[in-house]
Protein backbone atom coordinates (compact mmCIF):
# COMPACT_ATOMS: atom_id res chain seq x y z
CA UNK A 1 110.83 86.39 81.15
CA UNK A 2 113.40 85.19 78.17
CA UNK A 3 115.22 87.85 76.08
CA UNK A 4 115.17 87.06 72.25
CA UNK A 5 118.63 86.96 70.83
CA UNK A 6 118.74 88.61 67.76
CA UNK A 7 121.64 87.99 65.61
CA UNK A 8 122.85 90.16 62.74
CA UNK A 9 122.60 88.33 59.44
CA UNK A 10 126.12 87.89 57.82
CA UNK A 11 126.90 89.63 54.80
CA UNK A 12 127.12 86.45 52.76
CA UNK A 13 123.76 85.42 53.61
CA UNK A 14 122.38 88.73 52.56
CA UNK A 15 124.35 88.75 49.43
CA UNK A 16 123.00 85.48 48.36
CA UNK A 17 119.39 86.50 49.24
CA UNK A 18 119.95 89.42 46.82
CA UNK A 19 121.63 87.31 44.02
CA UNK A 20 118.73 85.17 44.38
CA UNK A 21 116.05 88.00 43.99
CA UNK A 22 117.90 89.39 41.11
CA UNK A 23 118.13 86.04 39.42
CA UNK A 24 114.13 85.56 39.85
CA UNK A 25 113.62 88.96 38.45
CA UNK A 26 115.98 88.36 35.53
CA UNK A 27 114.13 85.03 34.61
CA UNK A 28 110.63 86.77 34.92
CA UNK A 29 111.86 89.48 32.15
CA UNK A 30 113.18 86.62 30.11
CA UNK A 31 109.85 84.99 30.42
CA UNK A 32 107.87 88.05 29.64
CA UNK A 33 109.98 88.82 26.64
CA UNK A 34 109.30 85.43 25.38
CA UNK A 35 105.57 85.73 25.92
CA UNK A 36 105.24 88.88 24.22
CA UNK A 37 107.22 87.49 21.22
CA UNK A 38 104.44 84.82 20.97
CA UNK A 39 101.48 87.36 20.72
CA UNK A 40 100.65 88.02 17.30
CA UNK A 41 99.73 91.82 16.94
CA UNK A 42 97.82 92.70 13.93
CA UNK A 43 99.52 94.73 11.29
CA UNK A 44 98.29 97.47 9.11
CA UNK A 45 96.51 95.85 5.93
CA UNK A 46 96.60 99.00 3.92
CA UNK A 47 99.89 99.83 2.51
CA UNK A 48 100.56 103.58 2.08
CA UNK A 49 102.37 104.66 -1.04
CA UNK A 50 103.18 108.51 -0.61
CA UNK A 51 104.74 110.22 -3.47
CA UNK A 52 106.98 113.05 -2.29
CA UNK A 53 108.88 113.83 -5.61
CA UNK A 54 106.98 117.11 -5.89
CA UNK A 55 108.18 117.96 -2.49
CA UNK A 56 111.51 117.14 -3.20
CA UNK A 57 111.53 119.40 -6.32
CA UNK A 58 110.13 122.16 -4.52
CA UNK A 59 113.38 122.28 -2.28
């Protein structure tokens, strides 16, 4: 029976893996922002014109 030799990962390799993961997350966020900007959300068609001069005079 052979025993498996489990080496500990070096700090550099785990750091590189973490940086790569953060880069991909950052890239996905950037792509998401650009895709959301492409979507044309409907804007309200009716413009509200509220007269508040009477409210100001009461104060």
